[in-house]
C-alpha atoms as a PDB file:
ATOM      1  CA  MET A   1      43.701  27.468   4.487  1.00  0.00           C
ATOM      2  CA  ALA A   2      46.262  26.994   7.291  1.00  0.00           C
ATOM      3  CA  ASP A   3      45.842  23.207   7.018  1.00  0.00           C
ATOM      4  CA  GLN A   4      46.445  23.352   3.261  1.00  0.00           C
ATOM      5  CA  GLU A   5      49.615  25.388   3.778  1.00  0.00           C
ATOM      6  CA  SER A   6      50.802  22.924   6.423  1.00  0.00           C
ATOM      7  CA  ASP A   7      50.123  19.945   4.134  1.00  0.00           C
ATOM      8  CA  LYS A   8      52.001  21.653   1.321  1.00  0.00           C
ATOM      9  CA  ASN A   9      55.009  22.308   3.559  1.00  0.00           C
ATOM     10  CA  ILE A  10      55.063  18.635   4.546  1.00  0.00           C
ATOM     11  CA  GLU A  11      54.957  17.578   0.888  1.00  0.00           C
ATOM     12  CA  ILE A  12      57.818  19.943   0.076  1.00  0.00           C
ATOM     13  CA  TRP A  13      59.852  18.498   2.949  1.00  0.00           C
ATOM     14  CA  LYS A  14      59.199  14.964   1.670  1.00  0.00           C
ATOM     15  CA  ILE A  15      60.259  15.913  -1.860  1.00  0.00           C
ATOM     16  CA  LYS A  16      63.461  17.542  -0.606  1.00  0.00           C
ATOM     17  CA  LYS A  17      64.310  14.439   1.413  1.00  0.00           C
ATOM     18  CA  LEU A  18      63.569  12.198  -1.584  1.00  0.00           C
ATOM     19  CA  ILE A  19      65.676  14.320  -3.938  1.00  0.00           C
ATOM     20  CA  LYS A  20      68.624  14.108  -1.558  1.00  0.00           C
ATOM     21  CA  ALA A  21      68.359  10.308  -1.414  1.00  0.00           C
ATOM     22  CA  LEU A  22      67.919   9.946  -5.180  1.00  0.00           C
ATOM     23  CA  GLU A  23      70.835  12.229  -6.022  1.00  0.00           C
ATOM     24  CA  SER A  24      73.176  10.256  -3.779  1.00  0.00           C
ATOM     25  CA  ALA A  25      72.219   6.904  -5.349  1.00  0.00           C
ATOM     26  CA  ARG A  26      74.558   5.355  -7.899  1.00  0.00           C
ATOM     27  CA  GLY A  27      74.438   2.153  -9.902  1.00  0.00           C
ATOM     28  CA  ASN A  28      76.603   0.003 -12.115  1.00  0.00           C
ATOM     29  CA  GLY A  29      76.067   0.496 -15.833  1.00  0.00           C
ATOM     30  CA  THR A  30      72.836   2.120 -17.017  1.00  0.00           C
ATOM     31  CA  SER A  31      70.348   0.210 -14.913  1.00  0.00           C
ATOM     32  CA  MET A  32      68.682   3.189 -13.152  1.00  0.00           C
ATOM     33  CA  ILE A  33      65.472   4.393 -14.813  1.00  0.00           C
ATOM     34  CA  SER A  34      64.019   7.883 -14.358  1.00  0.00           C
ATOM     35  CA  LEU A  35      60.475   8.068 -15.740  1.00  0.00           C
ATOM     36  CA  ILE A  36      58.208  11.115 -15.516  1.00  0.00           C
ATOM     37  CA  MET A  37      54.749  11.374 -17.073  1.00  0.00           C
ATOM     38  CA  PRO A  38      52.970  14.752 -17.175  1.00  0.00           C
ATOM     39  CA  PRO A  39      49.219  15.131 -16.588  1.00  0.00           C
ATOM     40  CA  ARG A  40      47.028  13.886 -19.459  1.00  0.00           C
ATOM     41  CA  ASP A  41      49.780  11.557 -20.673  1.00  0.00           C
ATOM     42  CA  GLN A  42      48.718   7.998 -21.514  1.00  0.00           C
ATOM     43  CA  ILE A  43      49.763   4.892 -19.581  1.00  0.00           C
ATOM     44  CA  SER A  44      49.394   2.893 -22.797  1.00  0.00           C
ATOM     45  CA  ARG A  45      51.902   5.110 -24.612  1.00  0.00           C
ATOM     46  CA  VAL A  46      54.559   4.660 -21.939  1.00  0.00           C
ATOM     47  CA  THR A  47      53.859   0.931 -21.670  1.00  0.00           C
ATOM     48  CA  LYS A  48      54.464   0.560 -25.414  1.00  0.00           C
ATOM     49  CA  MET A  49      57.606   2.668 -25.169  1.00  0.00           C
ATOM     50  CA  LEU A  50      58.943   0.453 -22.371  1.00  0.00           C
ATOM     51  CA  GLY A  51      58.212  -2.608 -24.495  1.00  0.00           C
ATOM     52  CA  ASP A  52      60.284  -1.139 -27.318  1.00  0.00           C
ATOM     53  CA  GLU A  53      63.069  -0.265 -24.877  1.00  0.00           C
ATOM     54  CA  PHE A  54      63.025  -3.832 -23.568  1.00  0.00           C
ATOM     55  CA  GLY A  55      63.694  -5.094 -27.085  1.00  0.00           C
ATOM     56  CA  THR A  56      66.534  -2.614 -27.571  1.00  0.00           C
ATOM     57  CA  ALA A  57      68.086  -3.428 -24.187  1.00  0.00           C
ATOM     58  CA  SER A  58      68.141  -7.116 -25.090  1.00  0.00           C
ATOM     59  CA  ASN A  59      71.006  -6.298 -27.464  1.00  0.00           C
ATOM     60  CA  ILE A  60      73.299  -4.862 -24.775  1.00  0.00           C
ATOM     61  CA  LYS A  61      76.575  -6.783 -24.994  1.00  0.00           C
ATOM     62  CA  SER A  62      77.452  -6.757 -21.306  1.00  0.00           C
ATOM     63  CA  ARG A  63      75.512  -9.597 -19.714  1.00  0.00           C
ATOM     64  CA  VAL A  64      75.481  -8.014 -16.232  1.00  0.00           C
ATOM     65  CA  ASN A  65      74.378  -4.598 -17.493  1.00  0.00           C
ATOM     66  CA  ARG A  66      71.827  -6.175 -19.862  1.00  0.00           C
ATOM     67  CA  GLN A  67      70.213  -8.138 -17.057  1.00  0.00           C
ATOM     68  CA  SER A  68      70.122  -5.091 -14.766  1.00  0.00           C
ATOM     69  CA  VAL A  69      68.521  -2.877 -17.428  1.00  0.00           C
ATOM     70  CA  LEU A  70      65.957  -5.526 -18.382  1.00  0.00           C
ATOM     71  CA  ALA A  71      65.109  -6.028 -14.703  1.00  0.00           C
ATOM     72  CA  ALA A  72      64.599  -2.267 -14.246  1.00  0.00           C
ATOM     73  CA  ILE A  73      62.355  -2.018 -17.321  1.00  0.00           C
ATOM     74  CA  THR A  74      60.335  -5.010 -16.132  1.00  0.00           C
ATOM     75  CA  SER A  75      59.964  -3.402 -12.711  1.00  0.00           C
ATOM     76  CA  ALA A  76      58.706  -0.174 -14.331  1.00  0.00           C
ATOM     77  CA  GLN A  77      56.224  -2.126 -16.464  1.00  0.00           C
ATOM     78  CA  GLN A  78      54.891  -3.976 -13.423  1.00  0.00           C
ATOM     79  CA  ARG A  79      54.504  -0.783 -11.410  1.00  0.00           C
ATOM     80  CA  LEU A  80      52.611   0.968 -14.224  1.00  0.00           C
ATOM     81  CA  LYS A  81      50.061  -1.867 -14.180  1.00  0.00           C
ATOM     82  CA  LEU A  82      48.885  -0.482 -10.829  1.00  0.00           C
ATOM     83  CA  TYR A  83      47.633   2.677 -12.565  1.00  0.00           C
ATOM     84  CA  ASN A  84      44.568   2.862 -14.800  1.00  0.00           C
ATOM     85  CA  LYS A  85      45.514   6.370 -15.871  1.00  0.00           C
ATOM     86  CA  VAL A  86      48.038   9.081 -15.117  1.00  0.00           C
ATOM     87  CA  PRO A  87      47.085  10.944 -11.891  1.00  0.00           C
ATOM     88  CA  PRO A  88      45.936  14.592 -12.175  1.00  0.00           C
ATOM     89  CA  ASN A  89      49.365  15.960 -11.194  1.00  0.00           C
ATOM     90  CA  GLY A  90      51.341  13.467 -13.267  1.00  0.00           C
ATOM     91  CA  LEU A  91      53.363  10.408 -12.290  1.00  0.00           C
ATOM     92  CA  VAL A  92      56.990  10.057 -11.187  1.00  0.00           C
ATOM     93  CA  LEU A  93      58.754   6.670 -11.215  1.00  0.00           C
ATOM     94  CA  TYR A  94      62.307   5.774 -10.271  1.00  0.00           C
ATOM     95  CA  THR A  95      63.467   2.179 -10.423  1.00  0.00           C
ATOM     96  CA  GLY A  96      66.707   0.252 -10.777  1.00  0.00           C
ATOM     97  CA  THR A  97      69.576  -1.420  -8.982  1.00  0.00           C
ATOM     98  CA  VAL A  98      71.692   0.842  -6.783  1.00  0.00           C
ATOM     99  CA  VAL A  99      74.961   0.158  -5.002  1.00  0.00           C
ATOM    100  CA  THR A 100      74.774   0.601  -1.219  1.00  0.00           C
ATOM    101  CA  GLU A 101      77.514   2.090   0.971  1.00  0.00           C
ATOM    102  CA  ASP A 102      78.833  -1.369   1.784  1.00  0.00           C
ATOM    103  CA  GLY A 103      79.122  -2.219  -1.912  1.00  0.00           C
ATOM    104  CA  LYS A 104      76.056  -4.442  -2.151  1.00  0.00           C
ATOM    105  CA  GLU A 105      73.399  -4.138  -4.848  1.00  0.00           C
ATOM    106  CA  LYS A 106      69.849  -3.213  -3.892  1.00  0.00           C
ATOM    107  CA  LYS A 107      66.725  -2.983  -6.048  1.00  0.00           C
ATOM    108  CA  VAL A 108      64.782   0.262  -5.606  1.00  0.00           C
ATOM    109  CA  THR A 109      61.364   1.282  -6.948  1.00  0.00           C
ATOM    110  CA  ILE A 110      59.707   4.587  -6.048  1.00  0.00           C
ATOM    111  CA  ASP A 111      56.513   5.875  -7.640  1.00  0.00           C
ATOM    112  CA  PHE A 112      54.239   8.736  -6.587  1.00  0.00           C
ATOM    113  CA  GLU A 113      51.975  11.560  -7.727  1.00  0.00           C
ATOM    114  CA  PRO A 114      53.645  14.940  -7.064  1.00  0.00           C
ATOM    115  CA  PHE A 115      51.881  17.525  -4.897  1.00  0.00           C
ATOM    116  CA  LYS A 116      51.427  19.855  -7.874  1.00  0.00           C
ATOM    117  CA  PRO A 117      51.378  19.363 -11.663  1.00  0.00           C
ATOM    118  CA  ILE A 118      54.696  18.308 -13.166  1.00  0.00           C
ATOM    119  CA  ASN A 119      54.889  19.160 -16.849  1.00  0.00           C
ATOM    120  CA  ALA A 120      58.149  17.417 -17.677  1.00  0.00           C
ATOM    121  CA  SER A 121      58.201  14.286 -19.818  1.00  0.00           C
ATOM    122  CA  LEU A 122      61.240  12.118 -19.191  1.00  0.00           C
ATOM    123  CA  TYR A 123      62.641   8.639 -19.765  1.00  0.00           C
ATOM    124  CA  LEU A 124      66.317   8.008 -19.062  1.00  0.00           C
ATOM    125  CA  CYS A 125      68.457   4.950 -18.340  1.00  0.00           C
ATOM    126  CA  ASP A 126      71.657   6.003 -16.593  1.00  0.00           C
ATOM    127  CA  ASN A 127      73.959   5.198 -13.713  1.00  0.00           C
ATOM    128  CA  LYS A 128      72.090   7.771 -11.610  1.00  0.00           C
ATOM    129  CA  PHE A 129      68.560   9.071 -11.077  1.00  0.00           C
ATOM    130  CA  HIS A 130      67.658  12.397 -12.698  1.00  0.00           C
ATOM    131  CA  THR A 131      65.846  14.782 -10.326  1.00  0.00           C
ATOM    132  CA  GLU A 132      65.898  18.093 -12.218  1.00  0.00           C
ATOM    133  CA  ALA A 133      62.114  18.031 -12.736  1.00  0.00           C
ATOM    134  CA  LEU A 134      61.552  17.388  -9.017  1.00  0.00           C
ATOM    135  CA  ASN A 135      63.673  20.410  -8.137  1.00  0.00           C
ATOM    136  CA  GLU A 136      61.413  22.509 -10.348  1.00  0.00           C
ATOM    137  CA  LEU A 137      58.475  21.539  -8.132  1.00  0.00           C
ATOM    138  CA  LEU A 138      60.185  23.371  -5.283  1.00  0.00           C
ATOM    139  CA  GLU A 139      60.436  26.619  -7.209  1.00  0.00           C
ATOM    140  CA  SER A 140      58.222  29.588  -6.393  1.00  0.00           C
ATOM    141  CA  ASP A 141      54.498  29.322  -7.029  1.00  0.00           C
ATOM    142  CA  ASP A 142      54.364  32.925  -8.264  1.00  0.00           C
ATOM    143  CA  LYS A 143      51.771  33.096 -11.004  1.00  0.00           C
ATOM    144  CA  PHE A 144      52.111  35.513 -13.907  1.00  0.00           C
ATOM    145  CA  GLY A 145      49.351  36.549 -16.247  1.00  0.00           C
ATOM    146  CA  PHE A 146      50.058  37.206 -19.897  1.00  0.00           C
ATOM    147  CA  ILE A 147      48.109  38.475 -22.881  1.00  0.00           C
ATOM    148  CA  VAL A 148      49.014  37.584 -26.461  1.00  0.00           C
ATOM    149  CA  MET A 149      47.290  39.982 -28.830  1.00  0.00           C
ATOM    150  CA  ASP A 150      47.562  40.481 -32.581  1.00  0.00           C
ATOM    151  CA  GLY A 151      45.377  41.351 -35.539  1.00  0.00           C
ATOM    152  CA  ASN A 152      43.716  37.930 -35.528  1.00  0.00           C
ATOM    153  CA  GLY A 153      42.739  37.565 -31.880  1.00  0.00           C
ATOM    154  CA  THR A 154      43.778  37.550 -28.240  1.00  0.00           C
ATOM    155  CA  LEU A 155      44.784  34.868 -25.748  1.00  0.00           C
ATOM    156  CA  PHE A 156      44.764  35.221 -21.953  1.00  0.00           C
ATOM    157  CA  GLY A 157      46.846  32.818 -19.902  1.00  0.00           C
ATOM    158  CA  THR A 158      48.806  32.263 -16.728  1.00  0.00           C
ATOM    159  CA  LEU A 159      52.272  30.886 -16.099  1.00  0.00           C
ATOM    160  CA  SER A 160      53.469  29.412 -12.811  1.00  0.00           C
ATOM    161  CA  GLY A 161      56.873  27.751 -12.969  1.00  0.00           C
ATOM    162  CA  ASN A 162      56.558  25.623 -16.100  1.00  0.00           C
ATOM    163  CA  THR A 163      52.794  25.209 -15.745  1.00  0.00           C
ATOM    164  CA  ARG A 164      50.819  27.085 -18.371  1.00  0.00           C
ATOM    165  CA  GLU A 165      47.062  27.558 -18.426  1.00  0.00           C
ATOM    166  CA  VAL A 166      44.947  29.175 -21.139  1.00  0.00           C
ATOM    167  CA  LEU A 167      42.133  31.117 -19.476  1.00  0.00           C
ATOM    168  CA  HIS A 168      40.344  32.380 -22.560  1.00  0.00           C
ATOM    169  CA  LYS A 169      40.917  33.159 -26.216  1.00  0.00           C
ATOM    170  CA  PHE A 170      38.890  34.709 -28.992  1.00  0.00           C
ATOM    171  CA  THR A 171      39.372  35.607 -32.638  1.00  0.00           C
ATOM    172  CA  VAL A 172      38.615  38.850 -34.414  1.00  0.00           C
ATOM    173  CA  ASP A 173      38.102  39.805 -38.044  1.00  0.00           C
ATOM    174  CA  LEU A 174      39.472  43.309 -38.500  1.00  0.00           C
ATOM    175  CA  PRO A 175      38.993  45.081 -41.832  1.00  0.00           C
ATOM    176  CA  LYS A 176      42.135  45.482 -43.922  1.00  0.00           C
ATOM    177  CA  LYS A 177      43.352  48.607 -45.650  1.00  0.00           C
ATOM    178  CA  HIS A 178      42.309  48.953 -49.276  1.00  0.00           C
ATOM    179  CA  GLY A 179      43.051  51.175 -52.214  1.00  0.00           C
ATOM    180  CA  ARG A 180      39.658  52.783 -52.679  1.00  0.00           C
ATOM    181  CA  GLY A 181      39.896  56.539 -53.061  1.00  0.00           C
ATOM    182  CA  GLY A 182      37.565  59.466 -52.718  1.00  0.00           C
ATOM    183  CA  GLN A 183      35.115  59.994 -49.893  1.00  0.00           C
ATOM    184  CA  SER A 184      34.701  56.255 -49.281  1.00  0.00           C
ATOM    185  CA  ALA A 185      38.357  56.029 -48.210  1.00  0.00           C
ATOM    186  CA  LEU A 186      37.702  58.249 -45.198  1.00  0.00           C
ATOM    187  CA  ARG A 187      34.568  56.321 -44.272  1.00  0.00           C
ATOM    188  CA  PHE A 188      36.331  52.948 -44.464  1.00  0.00           C
ATOM    189  CA  ALA A 189      39.279  54.325 -42.513  1.00  0.00           C
ATOM    190  CA  ARG A 190      36.904  55.519 -39.789  1.00  0.00           C
ATOM    191  CA  LEU A 191      35.148  52.138 -39.640  1.00  0.00           C
ATOM    192  CA  ARG A 192      38.494  50.373 -39.497  1.00  0.00           C
ATOM    193  CA  MET A 193      39.642  52.536 -36.583  1.00  0.00           C
ATOM    194  CA  GLU A 194      36.336  51.997 -34.750  1.00  0.00           C
ATOM    195  CA  LYS A 195      36.658  48.223 -35.019  1.00  0.00           C
ATOM    196  CA  ARG A 196      40.256  48.351 -33.827  1.00  0.00           C
ATOM    197  CA  HIS A 197      39.231  50.547 -30.907  1.00  0.00           C
ATOM    198  CA  ASN A 198      36.398  48.178 -29.969  1.00  0.00           C
ATOM    199  CA  TYR A 199      38.803  45.236 -30.178  1.00  0.00           C
ATOM    200  CA  VAL A 200      41.288  46.903 -27.838  1.00  0.00           C
ATOM    201  CA  ARG A 201      38.495  47.885 -25.448  1.00  0.00           C
ATOM    202  CA  LYS A 202      37.142  44.332 -25.327  1.00  0.00           C
ATOM    203  CA  THR A 203      40.632  43.005 -24.629  1.00  0.00           C
ATOM    204  CA  ALA A 204      41.065  45.514 -21.792  1.00  0.00           C
ATOM    205  CA  GLU A 205      37.699  44.562 -20.288  1.00  0.00           C
ATOM    206  CA  LEU A 206      38.538  40.852 -20.409  1.00  0.00           C
ATOM    207  CA  ALA A 207      41.952  41.564 -18.894  1.00  0.00           C
ATOM    208  CA  THR A 208      40.139  43.204 -15.989  1.00  0.00           C
ATOM    209  CA  GLN A 209      37.934  40.157 -15.557  1.00  0.00           C
ATOM    210  CA  PHE A 210      40.755  37.615 -15.634  1.00  0.00           C
ATOM    211  CA  PHE A 211      43.604  39.457 -13.937  1.00  0.00           C
ATOM    212  CA  ILE A 212      42.275  42.410 -11.943  1.00  0.00           C
ATOM    213  CA  ASN A 213      38.739  41.628 -10.761  1.00  0.00           C
ATOM    214  CA  PRO A 214      38.969  44.644  -8.448  1.00  0.00           C
ATOM    215  CA  ALA A 215      35.441  44.703  -7.072  1.00  0.00           C
ATOM    216  CA  THR A 216      35.969  41.234  -5.634  1.00  0.00           C
ATOM    217  CA  SER A 217      39.453  41.647  -4.189  1.00  0.00           C
ATOM    218  CA  GLN A 218      39.333  45.290  -3.142  1.00  0.00           C
ATOM    219  CA  PRO A 219      36.781  45.050  -0.288  1.00  0.00           C
ATOM    220  CA  ASN A 220      38.796  42.167   1.174  1.00  0.00           C
ATOM    221  CA  ALA A 221      41.982  44.213   1.029  1.00  0.00           C
ATOM    222  CA  LEU A 222      39.986  46.917   2.802  1.00  0.00           C
ATOM    223  CA  GLU A 223      38.892  44.537   5.540  1.00  0.00           C
ATOM    224  CA  MET A 224      42.522  43.584   6.117  1.00  0.00           C
ATOM    225  CA  GLY A 225      43.434  47.246   6.603  1.00  0.00           C
ATOM    226  CA  ALA A 226      45.897  47.014   3.739  1.00  0.00           C
ATOM    227  CA  VAL A 227      44.531  49.933   1.705  1.00  0.00           C
ATOM    228  CA  GLU A 228      45.945  53.365   2.483  1.00  0.00           C
ATOM    229  CA  THR A 229      44.142  55.250  -0.288  1.00  0.00           C
ATOM    230  CA  LEU A 230      41.001  53.930  -1.973  1.00  0.00           C
ATOM    231  CA  ILE A 231      40.563  55.279  -5.507  1.00  0.00           C
ATOM    232  CA  VAL A 232      37.094  55.081  -7.079  1.00  0.00           C
ATOM    233  CA  TRP A 233      35.558  56.392 -10.291  1.00  0.00           C
ATOM    234  CA  GLU A 234      32.969  59.018  -9.370  1.00  0.00           C
ATOM    235  CA  ASN A 235      30.362  57.419 -11.669  1.00  0.00           C
ATOM    236  CA  LEU A 236      30.974  53.801 -10.645  1.00  0.00           C
ATOM    237  CA  ASP A 237      27.810  51.894 -11.579  1.00  0.00           C
ATOM    238  CA  ILE A 238      28.022  48.798  -9.376  1.00  0.00           C
ATOM    239  CA  THR A 239      25.509  47.821  -6.705  1.00  0.00           C
ATOM    240  CA  ARG A 240      26.372  46.071  -3.446  1.00  0.00           C
ATOM    241  CA  TYR A 241      23.859  43.373  -2.488  1.00  0.00           C
ATOM    242  CA  VAL A 242      23.529  41.637   0.865  1.00  0.00           C
ATOM    243  CA  LEU A 243      21.670  38.395   0.092  1.00  0.00           C
ATOM    244  CA  LYS A 244      20.322  35.621   2.311  1.00  0.00           C
ATOM    245  CA  ASN A 245      20.027  32.007   1.199  1.00  0.00           C
ATOM    246  CA  SER A 246      16.378  31.029   1.706  1.00  0.00           C
ATOM    247  CA  VAL A 247      17.349  27.436   2.536  1.00  0.00           C
ATOM    248  CA  THR A 248      20.566  27.642   4.543  1.00  0.00           C
ATOM    249  CA  GLY A 249      20.234  31.167   5.898  1.00  0.00           C
ATOM    250  CA  GLU A 250      23.762  31.934   4.709  1.00  0.00           C
ATOM    251  CA  ILE A 251      24.540  35.593   4.028  1.00  0.00           C
ATOM    252  CA  VAL A 252      26.149  36.304   0.653  1.00  0.00           C
ATOM    253  CA  ILE A 253      27.548  39.639  -0.521  1.00  0.00           C
ATOM    254  CA  LYS A 254      27.628  40.338  -4.244  1.00  0.00           C
ATOM    255  CA  HIS A 255      28.733  43.326  -6.295  1.00  0.00           C
ATOM    256  CA  LEU A 256      26.833  43.443  -9.582  1.00  0.00           C
ATOM    257  CA  ASN A 257      26.783  45.774 -12.565  1.00  0.00           C
ATOM    258  CA  LYS A 258      23.584  46.676 -14.427  1.00  0.00           C
ATOM    259  CA  GLU A 259      23.789  43.760 -16.835  1.00  0.00           C
ATOM    260  CA  GLN A 260      24.376  41.245 -14.053  1.00  0.00           C
ATOM    261  CA  GLU A 261      21.438  42.619 -12.074  1.00  0.00           C
ATOM    262  CA  THR A 262      19.105  41.490 -14.861  1.00  0.00           C
ATOM    263  CA  ASP A 263      20.412  37.912 -14.679  1.00  0.00           C
ATOM    264  CA  GLN A 264      18.277  35.987 -12.181  1.00  0.00           C
ATOM    265  CA  ASN A 265      20.983  33.346 -11.847  1.00  0.00           C
ATOM    266  CA  ASN A 266      22.894  35.845  -9.731  1.00  0.00           C
ATOM    267  CA  PHE A 267      20.063  35.672  -7.212  1.00  0.00           C
ATOM    268  CA  ARG A 268      20.032  31.899  -6.907  1.00  0.00           C
ATOM    269  CA  ASP A 269      22.429  29.554  -5.161  1.00  0.00           C
ATOM    270  CA  ALA A 270      24.463  27.696  -7.786  1.00  0.00           C
ATOM    271  CA  ALA A 271      24.603  24.531  -5.670  1.00  0.00           C
ATOM    272  CA  ASN A 272      20.931  24.002  -4.779  1.00  0.00           C
ATOM    273  CA  SER A 273      19.096  26.679  -6.828  1.00  0.00           C
ATOM    274  CA  ALA A 274      17.784  28.205  -3.603  1.00  0.00           C
ATOM    275  CA  GLU A 275      16.559  31.781  -3.868  1.00  0.00           C
ATOM    276  CA  LEU A 276      18.892  34.482  -2.567  1.00  0.00           C
ATOM    277  CA  GLU A 277      16.685  37.045  -0.860  1.00  0.00           C
ATOM    278  CA  VAL A 278      17.760  40.692  -0.966  1.00  0.00           C
ATOM    279  CA  GLN A 279      18.425  41.940   2.556  1.00  0.00           C
ATOM    280  CA  GLU A 280      20.188  45.140   1.598  1.00  0.00           C
ATOM    281  CA  LYS A 281      20.873  46.978  -1.644  1.00  0.00           C
ATOM    282  CA  MET A 282      23.125  50.006  -2.009  1.00  0.00           C
ATOM    283  CA  PRO A 283      25.329  51.575  -4.693  1.00  0.00           C
ATOM    284  CA  LEU A 284      28.870  50.388  -4.034  1.00  0.00           C
ATOM    285  CA  LEU A 285      30.121  53.959  -4.422  1.00  0.00           C
ATOM    286  CA  GLU A 286      27.798  55.104  -1.627  1.00  0.00           C
ATOM    287  CA  TRP A 287      28.860  52.162   0.542  1.00  0.00           C
ATOM    288  CA  PHE A 288      32.507  53.149   0.085  1.00  0.00           C
ATOM    289  CA  ALA A 289      31.676  56.748   1.036  1.00  0.00           C
ATOM    290  CA  ASN A 290      29.934  55.585   4.223  1.00  0.00           C
ATOM    291  CA  GLU A 291      32.370  52.903   5.301  1.00  0.00           C
ATOM    292  CA  TYR A 292      35.884  53.884   4.173  1.00  0.00           C
ATOM    293  CA  LYS A 293      36.858  55.402   7.560  1.00  0.00           C
ATOM    294  CA  ARG A 294      36.106  52.086   9.236  1.00  0.00           C
ATOM    295  CA  PHE A 295      39.000  50.596   7.279  1.00  0.00           C
ATOM    296  CA  GLY A 296      41.428  53.376   8.181  1.00  0.00           C
ATOM    297  CA  CYS A 297      41.914  54.615   4.623  1.00  0.00           C
ATOM    298  CA  SER A 298      41.291  57.806   2.686  1.00  0.00           C
ATOM    299  CA  LEU A 299      38.895  57.964  -0.270  1.00  0.00           C
ATOM    300  CA  GLU A 300      39.722  59.684  -3.543  1.00  0.00           C
ATOM    301  CA  PHE A 301      37.391  60.115  -6.522  1.00  0.00           C
ATOM    302  CA  VAL A 302      38.574  60.258 -10.116  1.00  0.00           C
ATOM    303  CA  THR A 303      36.833  61.191 -13.359  1.00  0.00           C
ATOM    304  CA  ASN A 304      37.227  59.648 -16.779  1.00  0.00           C
ATOM    305  CA  LYS A 305      37.621  63.006 -18.473  1.00  0.00           C
ATOM    306  CA  SER A 306      41.427  62.975 -18.435  1.00  0.00           C
ATOM    307  CA  GLN A 307      43.523  60.428 -20.323  1.00  0.00           C
ATOM    308  CA  GLU A 308      44.851  58.965 -17.075  1.00  0.00           C
ATOM    309  CA  GLY A 309      41.390  58.800 -15.523  1.00  0.00           C
ATOM    310  CA  SER A 310      39.962  57.151 -18.619  1.00  0.00           C
ATOM    311  CA  GLN A 311      42.732  54.532 -18.606  1.00  0.00           C
ATOM    312  CA  PHE A 312      42.094  53.859 -14.910  1.00  0.00           C
ATOM    313  CA  CYS A 313      38.364  53.339 -15.477  1.00  0.00           C
ATOM    314  CA  ARG A 314      38.863  51.064 -18.485  1.00  0.00           C
ATOM    315  CA  GLY A 315      41.827  49.135 -17.162  1.00  0.00           C
ATOM    316  CA  PHE A 316      40.881  48.729 -13.499  1.00  0.00           C
ATOM    317  CA  GLY A 317      37.095  48.754 -13.680  1.00  0.00           C
ATOM    318  CA  GLY A 318      36.903  52.038 -11.782  1.00  0.00           C
ATOM    319  CA  ILE A 319      38.247  50.705  -8.460  1.00  0.00           C
ATOM    320  CA  GLY A 320      41.836  50.739  -7.257  1.00  0.00           C
ATOM    321  CA  GLY A 321      43.907  51.311  -4.190  1.00  0.00           C
ATOM    322  CA  ILE A 322      47.329  52.277  -2.888  1.00  0.00           C
ATOM    323  CA  LEU A 323      48.430  49.688  -0.335  1.00  0.00           C
ATOM    324  CA  ARG A 324      50.225  50.255   2.946  1.00  0.00           C
ATOM    325  CA  TYR A 325      52.288  47.132   2.416  1.00  0.00           C
ATOM    326  CA  GLN A 326      52.839  44.416  -0.153  1.00  0.00           C
ATOM    327  CA  LEU A 327      49.837  42.120  -0.347  1.00  0.00           C
ATOM    328  CA  ASP A 328      49.414  38.835  -2.219  1.00  0.00           C
ATOM    329  CA  ILE A 329      46.046  39.392  -3.904  1.00  0.00           C
ATOM    330  CA  ARG A 330      46.059  35.736  -5.025  1.00  0.00           C
ATOM    331  CA  SER A 331      45.061  34.790  -1.487  1.00  0.00           C
ATOM    332  CA  PHE A 332      41.616  36.121  -2.316  1.00  0.00           C
ATOM    333  CA  ASP A 333      41.186  33.414  -4.929  1.00  0.00           C
ATOM    334  CA  GLU A 334      39.882  31.250  -2.093  1.00  0.00           C
ATOM    335  CA  LEU A 335      36.622  33.211  -2.288  1.00  0.00           C
ATOM    336  CA  SER A 336      33.631  31.401  -3.701  1.00  0.00           C
ATOM    337  CA  ASP A 337      32.557  32.211  -7.222  1.00  0.00           C
ATOM    338  CA  ASP A 338      29.334  33.640  -5.779  1.00  0.00           C
ATOM    339  CA  GLY A 339      31.319  36.692  -4.799  1.00  0.00           C
ATOM    340  CA  GLU A 340      32.604  37.307  -8.282  1.00  0.00           C
ATOM    341  CA  VAL A 341      31.633  40.522  -9.978  1.00  0.00           C
ATOM    342  CA  TYR A 342      32.810  39.703 -13.467  1.00  0.00           C
ATOM    343  CA  GLU A 343      32.112  36.297 -14.905  1.00  0.00           C
ATOM    344  CA  ASP A 344      32.857  34.583 -18.194  1.00  0.00           C
ATOM    345  CA  SER A 345      31.378  31.489 -19.737  1.00  0.00           C
ATOM    346  CA  ASP A 346      34.869  30.151 -20.322  1.00  0.00           C
END
């Protein structure tokens, strides 16, 4: 993890240095090309576009500017031939003729894959290079989760900078209001409310899986000593398993609910299908009660009989905590999927 952070810092330093050099470069006419291709773009599309631009540039009246622009487009075309497809994080290309400090012209071509996905799509011929999209790469990596929910379905996604990712979506068919009277009206109204309630509950459960996942992250926050008060539902029905890989001898800890306990895949290694032998099995609630002092925190139980307690159990899966200090829970994403409590086929 430290090596990854160090590599990222080096990449950021390189980008900053490159941006400074690009922003200071100037050319004569419009012979400086800024070309950015986002992930999943097609080399063939951009190659065709450059071909069309070459034809348009051939009509530039100024002979000097025309030759410079055509040379820059040709340089871009030649450089794109080195790529079979757009790299996973996109492709950035700057090429053209710049004027040096001593007034001489110099041809420049820079192409690279950015250190994280770049979602801008850009093609500009100008007397300068455009670096706005590169500056966006240096913005914070804070990731935000969002839920879009209406009467037709729900979408779960994340947003980091200008990078969007759809985690999961599903549709729903809710009954509409109708004009039937009499006793049937009450029955249909009750059914309609039940379906709406079930829809909201399913959305809340999925939100827990995608954005909270408390039973995975909470024990790690405990181990770091970050939790001041551990809050647990008094009827939490999750079991803590200590498992041993029969092939590698590796110890794996899993927290499984009743449904997951019946799935034998949770007791096999996903990589080599080796059996995971049960070394220890204990209700997670009991484990918390026995071990919470070791982490220097207090333990509080809640019920689901009050409105607040019910919301806590539904929204947070029955496990929560008050932290001593701000903690970036995203750092726990480095855990292997074997430690996940809630899983989804998507």
